[in-house]
């Protein structure tokens, strides 16, 4: 199984959705995993697992706020081919 460390800034809508599903009421101290990265720095993260990947999402205040405010409908406009590209809404032309 592949392990991937993900910073809050690089969360995709899919990973965020998995995190919210795994921790619907937020995470607490028992959910936090501490480990050393390749540089010897201590990282604190929460774990989200898919069939082939274990995502370690770095803990930050921004992560908590984003998870608390998560609304699946906010991500309906993402292009399936490029999850970071938001489609512009269609505007009605006025005469």
N, C-alpha and C. Protein backbone atom coordinates (compact mmCIF):
# COMPACT_ATOMS: atom_id res chain seq x y z
N UNK A 1 0.85 -1.19 0.00
CA UNK A 1 0.00 0.00 0.00
C UNK A 1 0.89 1.24 0.00
N UNK A 2 0.54 2.18 -0.83
CA UNK A 2 1.29 3.43 -0.97
C UNK A 2 0.91 4.38 0.17
N UNK A 3 1.90 5.07 0.74
CA UNK A 3 1.66 6.09 1.78
C UNK A 3 1.98 7.45 1.20
N UNK A 4 1.03 8.39 1.35
CA UNK A 4 1.21 9.73 0.81
C UNK A 4 0.93 10.75 1.91
N UNK A 5 1.87 11.66 2.11
CA UNK A 5 1.67 12.75 3.06
C UNK A 5 1.08 13.92 2.27
N UNK A 6 -0.06 14.43 2.74
CA UNK A 6 -0.75 15.50 2.02
C UNK A 6 -0.86 16.73 2.92
N UNK A 7 -0.41 17.86 2.40
CA UNK A 7 -0.55 19.12 3.09
C UNK A 7 -1.95 19.67 2.83
N UNK A 8 -2.47 20.44 3.75
CA UNK A 8 -3.80 21.03 3.59
C UNK A 8 -3.94 21.75 2.25
N UNK A 9 -2.93 22.47 1.84
CA UNK A 9 -2.99 23.26 0.61
C UNK A 9 -3.15 22.41 -0.64
N UNK A 10 -2.82 21.13 -0.56
CA UNK A 10 -2.88 20.26 -1.72
C UNK A 10 -4.00 19.22 -1.64
N UNK A 11 -4.93 19.42 -0.73
CA UNK A 11 -6.05 18.49 -0.62
C UNK A 11 -6.93 18.57 -1.86
N UNK A 12 -7.26 17.43 -2.41
CA UNK A 12 -8.22 17.40 -3.52
C UNK A 12 -9.61 17.26 -2.92
N UNK A 13 -10.64 17.59 -3.65
CA UNK A 13 -12.00 17.41 -3.13
C UNK A 13 -12.28 15.97 -2.73
N UNK A 14 -11.71 15.01 -3.45
CA UNK A 14 -11.93 13.61 -3.14
C UNK A 14 -11.33 13.22 -1.79
N UNK A 15 -10.10 13.68 -1.52
CA UNK A 15 -9.46 13.37 -0.24
C UNK A 15 -10.18 14.08 0.89
N UNK A 16 -10.59 15.32 0.68
CA UNK A 16 -11.34 16.05 1.69
C UNK A 16 -12.64 15.33 2.02
N UNK A 17 -13.32 14.85 1.00
CA UNK A 17 -14.58 14.12 1.21
C UNK A 17 -14.33 12.86 2.04
N UNK A 18 -13.26 12.11 1.74
CA UNK A 18 -12.92 10.92 2.51
C UNK A 18 -12.64 11.27 3.97
N UNK A 19 -11.94 12.39 4.19
CA UNK A 19 -11.63 12.82 5.56
C UNK A 19 -12.89 13.15 6.33
N UNK A 20 -13.82 13.85 5.68
CA UNK A 20 -15.08 14.21 6.34
C UNK A 20 -15.90 12.96 6.63
N UNK A 21 -15.90 12.01 5.71
CA UNK A 21 -16.62 10.75 5.94
C UNK A 21 -16.00 9.95 7.08
N UNK A 22 -14.68 9.95 7.15
CA UNK A 22 -13.98 9.20 8.20
C UNK A 22 -14.13 9.87 9.57
N UNK A 23 -14.13 11.19 9.59
CA UNK A 23 -14.22 11.96 10.84
C UNK A 23 -15.39 12.93 10.75
N UNK A 24 -16.64 12.43 10.73
CA UNK A 24 -17.80 13.32 10.53
C UNK A 24 -17.99 14.35 11.65
N UNK A 25 -17.48 14.05 12.83
CA UNK A 25 -17.61 14.98 13.95
C UNK A 25 -16.27 15.60 14.31
N UNK A 26 -15.34 15.56 13.36
CA UNK A 26 -14.00 16.07 13.61
C UNK A 26 -13.13 14.98 14.19
N UNK A 27 -11.86 15.26 14.35
CA UNK A 27 -10.93 14.29 14.90
C UNK A 27 -10.50 14.75 16.28
N UNK A 28 -10.03 13.80 17.09
CA UNK A 28 -9.53 14.16 18.41
C UNK A 28 -8.12 13.60 18.57
N UNK A 29 -7.55 13.76 19.74
CA UNK A 29 -6.16 13.36 19.97
C UNK A 29 -5.90 11.89 19.64
N UNK A 30 -6.89 11.03 19.86
CA UNK A 30 -6.68 9.60 19.59
C UNK A 30 -6.60 9.29 18.10
N UNK A 31 -7.07 10.20 17.25
CA UNK A 31 -7.02 10.01 15.80
C UNK A 31 -5.71 10.52 15.18
N UNK A 32 -4.95 11.30 15.92
CA UNK A 32 -3.74 11.93 15.39
C UNK A 32 -2.55 10.98 15.49
N UNK A 33 -1.84 10.85 14.38
CA UNK A 33 -0.66 10.01 14.30
C UNK A 33 0.55 10.93 14.18
N UNK A 34 1.59 10.67 14.97
CA UNK A 34 2.84 11.44 14.88
C UNK A 34 3.92 10.55 14.30
N UNK A 35 4.71 11.11 13.38
CA UNK A 35 5.81 10.36 12.78
C UNK A 35 6.86 11.35 12.28
N UNK A 36 8.03 10.84 11.96
CA UNK A 36 9.12 11.67 11.43
C UNK A 36 9.14 11.53 9.92
N UNK A 37 9.28 12.66 9.23
CA UNK A 37 9.40 12.62 7.76
C UNK A 37 10.86 12.38 7.38
N UNK A 38 11.15 12.40 6.09
CA UNK A 38 12.50 12.13 5.61
C UNK A 38 13.52 13.15 6.12
N UNK A 39 13.07 14.35 6.47
CA UNK A 39 13.96 15.39 6.97
C UNK A 39 14.15 15.32 8.48
N UNK A 40 13.49 14.35 9.13
CA UNK A 40 13.59 14.20 10.58
C UNK A 40 12.63 15.09 11.35
N UNK A 41 11.73 15.77 10.64
CA UNK A 41 10.75 16.64 11.30
C UNK A 41 9.57 15.80 11.79
N UNK A 42 9.04 16.15 12.94
CA UNK A 42 7.86 15.46 13.46
C UNK A 42 6.62 16.00 12.76
N UNK A 43 5.84 15.10 12.21
CA UNK A 43 4.61 15.44 11.50
C UNK A 43 3.44 14.86 12.28
N UNK A 44 2.40 15.65 12.42
CA UNK A 44 1.15 15.17 13.04
C UNK A 44 0.10 15.15 11.93
N UNK A 45 -0.60 14.02 11.81
CA UNK A 45 -1.54 13.86 10.72
C UNK A 45 -2.70 12.96 11.12
N UNK A 46 -3.76 13.03 10.32
CA UNK A 46 -4.86 12.07 10.45
C UNK A 46 -4.81 11.19 9.21
N UNK A 47 -5.29 9.97 9.35
CA UNK A 47 -5.17 8.98 8.30
C UNK A 47 -6.48 8.79 7.56
N UNK A 48 -6.39 8.71 6.23
CA UNK A 48 -7.52 8.38 5.38
C UNK A 48 -7.03 7.31 4.42
N UNK A 49 -7.77 6.20 4.32
CA UNK A 49 -7.31 5.07 3.53
C UNK A 49 -8.27 4.79 2.38
N UNK A 50 -7.69 4.56 1.19
CA UNK A 50 -8.45 4.08 0.04
C UNK A 50 -7.99 2.65 -0.23
N UNK A 51 -8.46 2.06 -1.31
CA UNK A 51 -8.09 0.68 -1.63
C UNK A 51 -6.58 0.49 -1.78
N UNK A 52 -5.91 1.50 -2.34
CA UNK A 52 -4.48 1.32 -2.63
C UNK A 52 -3.56 2.35 -1.98
N UNK A 53 -4.13 3.35 -1.30
CA UNK A 53 -3.31 4.44 -0.76
C UNK A 53 -3.72 4.80 0.66
N UNK A 54 -2.72 5.06 1.49
CA UNK A 54 -2.95 5.57 2.84
C UNK A 54 -2.51 7.03 2.83
N UNK A 55 -3.48 7.95 2.93
CA UNK A 55 -3.18 9.37 2.94
C UNK A 55 -2.99 9.82 4.38
N UNK A 56 -1.91 10.53 4.63
CA UNK A 56 -1.64 11.13 5.93
C UNK A 56 -1.81 12.63 5.75
N UNK A 57 -2.93 13.17 6.23
CA UNK A 57 -3.24 14.59 6.04
C UNK A 57 -2.68 15.37 7.23
N UNK A 58 -1.75 16.27 6.92
CA UNK A 58 -1.12 17.06 7.98
C UNK A 58 -2.16 17.88 8.73
N UNK A 59 -2.02 17.89 10.04
CA UNK A 59 -2.93 18.63 10.91
C UNK A 59 -2.61 20.12 10.85
N UNK A 60 -3.66 20.92 10.73
CA UNK A 60 -3.51 22.38 10.80
C UNK A 60 -4.86 22.96 11.17
N UNK A 61 -4.85 24.20 11.61
CA UNK A 61 -6.10 24.90 11.92
C UNK A 61 -6.97 24.99 10.67
N UNK A 62 -6.34 25.22 9.51
CA UNK A 62 -7.08 25.31 8.26
C UNK A 62 -7.82 24.02 7.94
N UNK A 63 -7.22 22.86 8.24
CA UNK A 63 -7.86 21.59 7.99
C UNK A 63 -9.13 21.47 8.82
N UNK A 64 -9.06 21.81 10.09
CA UNK A 64 -10.24 21.74 10.96
C UNK A 64 -11.37 22.60 10.44
N UNK A 65 -11.07 23.83 10.09
CA UNK A 65 -12.09 24.76 9.60
C UNK A 65 -12.70 24.25 8.30
N UNK A 66 -11.86 23.78 7.39
CA UNK A 66 -12.35 23.28 6.10
C UNK A 66 -13.25 22.06 6.30
N UNK A 67 -12.87 21.16 7.18
CA UNK A 67 -13.70 19.98 7.43
C UNK A 67 -15.03 20.38 8.08
N UNK A 68 -14.99 21.34 8.99
CA UNK A 68 -16.22 21.78 9.65
C UNK A 68 -17.18 22.43 8.66
N UNK A 69 -16.64 23.14 7.68
CA UNK A 69 -17.46 23.86 6.72
C UNK A 69 -17.70 23.09 5.43
N UNK A 70 -17.28 21.83 5.38
CA UNK A 70 -17.39 21.03 4.17
C UNK A 70 -18.84 20.87 3.76
N UNK A 71 -19.08 21.09 2.48
CA UNK A 71 -20.39 20.87 1.90
C UNK A 71 -20.14 20.24 0.54
N UNK A 72 -20.59 19.02 0.35
CA UNK A 72 -20.30 18.28 -0.88
C UNK A 72 -20.71 19.06 -2.13
N UNK A 73 -21.75 19.86 -2.04
CA UNK A 73 -22.22 20.60 -3.21
C UNK A 73 -21.24 21.68 -3.63
N UNK A 74 -20.32 22.08 -2.75
CA UNK A 74 -19.32 23.08 -3.12
C UNK A 74 -18.39 22.57 -4.22
N UNK A 75 -18.30 21.26 -4.37
CA UNK A 75 -17.35 20.67 -5.30
C UNK A 75 -18.01 20.10 -6.55
N UNK A 76 -19.30 20.36 -6.77
CA UNK A 76 -20.00 19.85 -7.94
C UNK A 76 -19.48 20.45 -9.24
N UNK A 77 -18.85 21.62 -9.20
CA UNK A 77 -18.39 22.28 -10.41
C UNK A 77 -16.99 21.87 -10.85
N UNK A 78 -16.36 20.91 -10.14
CA UNK A 78 -15.02 20.49 -10.51
C UNK A 78 -15.09 19.63 -11.77
N UNK A 79 -14.14 19.85 -12.68
CA UNK A 79 -14.01 19.06 -13.90
C UNK A 79 -13.45 17.70 -13.50
N UNK A 80 -14.07 16.62 -13.97
CA UNK A 80 -13.63 15.28 -13.62
C UNK A 80 -12.21 14.98 -14.09
N UNK A 81 -11.78 15.56 -15.22
CA UNK A 81 -10.45 15.31 -15.73
C UNK A 81 -9.38 16.09 -14.97
N UNK A 82 -9.74 17.24 -14.42
CA UNK A 82 -8.80 18.08 -13.69
C UNK A 82 -9.48 18.58 -12.43
N UNK A 83 -9.32 17.86 -11.29
CA UNK A 83 -10.04 18.23 -10.07
C UNK A 83 -9.67 19.60 -9.52
N UNK A 84 -8.58 20.21 -10.01
CA UNK A 84 -8.21 21.53 -9.51
C UNK A 84 -8.78 22.65 -10.37
N UNK A 85 -9.40 22.29 -11.48
CA UNK A 85 -9.95 23.31 -12.38
C UNK A 85 -11.45 23.45 -12.12
N UNK A 86 -11.86 24.62 -11.72
CA UNK A 86 -13.27 24.89 -11.46
C UNK A 86 -13.88 25.46 -12.72
N UNK A 87 -15.02 24.89 -13.11
CA UNK A 87 -15.68 25.38 -14.30
C UNK A 87 -16.42 26.66 -13.98
N UNK A 88 -16.38 27.59 -14.91
CA UNK A 88 -17.10 28.85 -14.75
C UNK A 88 -18.58 28.60 -14.96
N UNK A 89 -19.45 29.20 -14.15
CA UNK A 89 -20.89 29.02 -14.36
C UNK A 89 -21.32 29.70 -15.65
N UNK A 90 -22.33 29.11 -16.28
CA UNK A 90 -22.85 29.71 -17.51
C UNK A 90 -23.74 30.88 -17.14
N UNK A 91 -23.57 31.98 -17.86
CA UNK A 91 -24.36 33.18 -17.60
C UNK A 91 -25.36 33.38 -18.72
N UNK A 92 -26.57 33.78 -18.38
CA UNK A 92 -27.56 34.11 -19.41
C UNK A 92 -27.21 35.44 -20.02
N UNK A 93 -27.24 35.50 -21.33
CA UNK A 93 -26.94 36.77 -22.00
C UNK A 93 -28.16 37.68 -21.93
N UNK A 94 -27.90 38.91 -21.59
CA UNK A 94 -28.99 39.90 -21.53
C UNK A 94 -29.02 40.65 -22.84
N UNK A 95 -30.23 40.95 -23.36
CA UNK A 95 -30.38 41.70 -24.61
C UNK A 95 -30.12 43.16 -24.41
